Amino acid sequence: MTREAAKAIGTWLEGRGRLHQPIAALTLADLEAMATNAISRFVVLGMERIKHRPPVGGSPMQTLLA
């Protein structure tokens, strides 16, 4: 999952164009680290959302993705 997210980040960055140093020099390991951080942040924000607004009649996963 992390590797696919890293590739998606790289594709998105390339699509933005005008890449300059140091963005153009990012390695797959750099992109994987960015993806790991983004996934972690997504989970933390989702858990905070669940904590403050518990799901009513739905699954916690639906609340995460809302």
Protein backbone atom coordinates (compact mmCIF):
# COMPACT_ATOMS: atom_id res chain seq x y z
CA MET A 1 0.00 0.00 0.00
CA THR A 2 2.77 2.43 0.91
CA ARG A 3 4.68 1.78 -2.30
CA GLU A 4 1.56 2.38 -4.40
CA ALA A 5 0.85 5.59 -2.48
CA ALA A 6 4.48 6.65 -3.01
CA LYS A 7 4.16 6.08 -6.75
CA ALA A 8 0.92 8.08 -6.78
CA ILE A 9 2.66 10.95 -4.97
CA GLY A 10 5.49 10.85 -7.53
CA THR A 11 3.01 10.84 -10.40
CA TRP A 12 1.12 13.76 -8.87
CA LEU A 13 4.33 15.74 -8.36
CA GLU A 14 5.43 15.05 -11.95
CA GLY A 15 2.01 16.12 -13.22
CA ARG A 16 2.36 19.45 -11.49
CA GLY A 17 5.33 20.24 -13.72
CA ARG A 18 8.18 22.66 -13.12
CA LEU A 19 9.91 20.30 -10.71
CA HIS A 20 13.12 21.75 -9.40
CA GLN A 21 15.65 20.54 -6.88
CA PRO A 22 15.13 19.04 -4.36
CA ILE A 23 11.69 17.75 -5.49
CA ALA A 24 13.02 16.29 -8.73
CA ALA A 25 15.70 14.42 -6.79
CA LEU A 26 13.28 12.53 -4.54
CA THR A 27 13.95 8.80 -4.37
CA LEU A 28 11.38 6.06 -4.00
CA ALA A 29 12.41 5.81 -0.34
CA ASP A 30 11.69 9.54 0.07
CA LEU A 31 8.29 9.13 -1.57
CA GLU A 32 7.53 6.09 0.60
CA ALA A 33 8.35 8.13 3.71
CA MET A 34 6.01 10.87 2.51
CA ALA A 35 3.29 8.27 1.87
CA THR A 36 3.76 6.72 5.31
CA ASN A 37 3.42 10.12 6.95
CA ALA A 38 0.34 10.96 4.88
CA ILE A 39 -1.32 7.63 5.72
CA SER A 40 -0.50 8.07 9.41
CA ARG A 41 -1.94 11.57 9.40
CA PHE A 42 -5.10 10.32 7.68
CA VAL A 43 -5.56 7.66 10.37
CA VAL A 44 -4.96 10.10 13.23
CA LEU A 45 -7.42 12.63 11.84
CA GLY A 46 -9.98 9.89 11.27
CA MET A 47 -9.62 8.60 14.80
CA GLU A 48 -10.05 12.11 16.17
CA ARG A 49 -13.19 12.49 14.07
CA ILE A 50 -14.55 9.21 15.47
CA LYS A 51 -13.68 10.26 19.01
CA HIS A 52 -15.50 13.58 18.69
CA ARG A 53 -18.36 12.29 16.53
CA PRO A 54 -18.96 8.57 17.12
CA PRO A 55 -20.70 6.92 14.18
CA VAL A 56 -24.45 6.61 14.55
CA GLY A 57 -25.82 3.56 12.80
CA GLY A 58 -22.77 3.21 10.59
CA SER A 59 -19.38 1.65 10.75
CA PRO A 60 -16.28 3.50 11.96
CA MET A 61 -14.79 2.98 8.47
CA GLN A 62 -17.57 5.07 6.94
CA THR A 63 -16.75 7.85 9.39
CA LEU A 64 -13.06 7.65 8.47
CA LEU A 65 -13.84 8.02 4.79
CA ALA A 66 -16.45 10.76 5.22
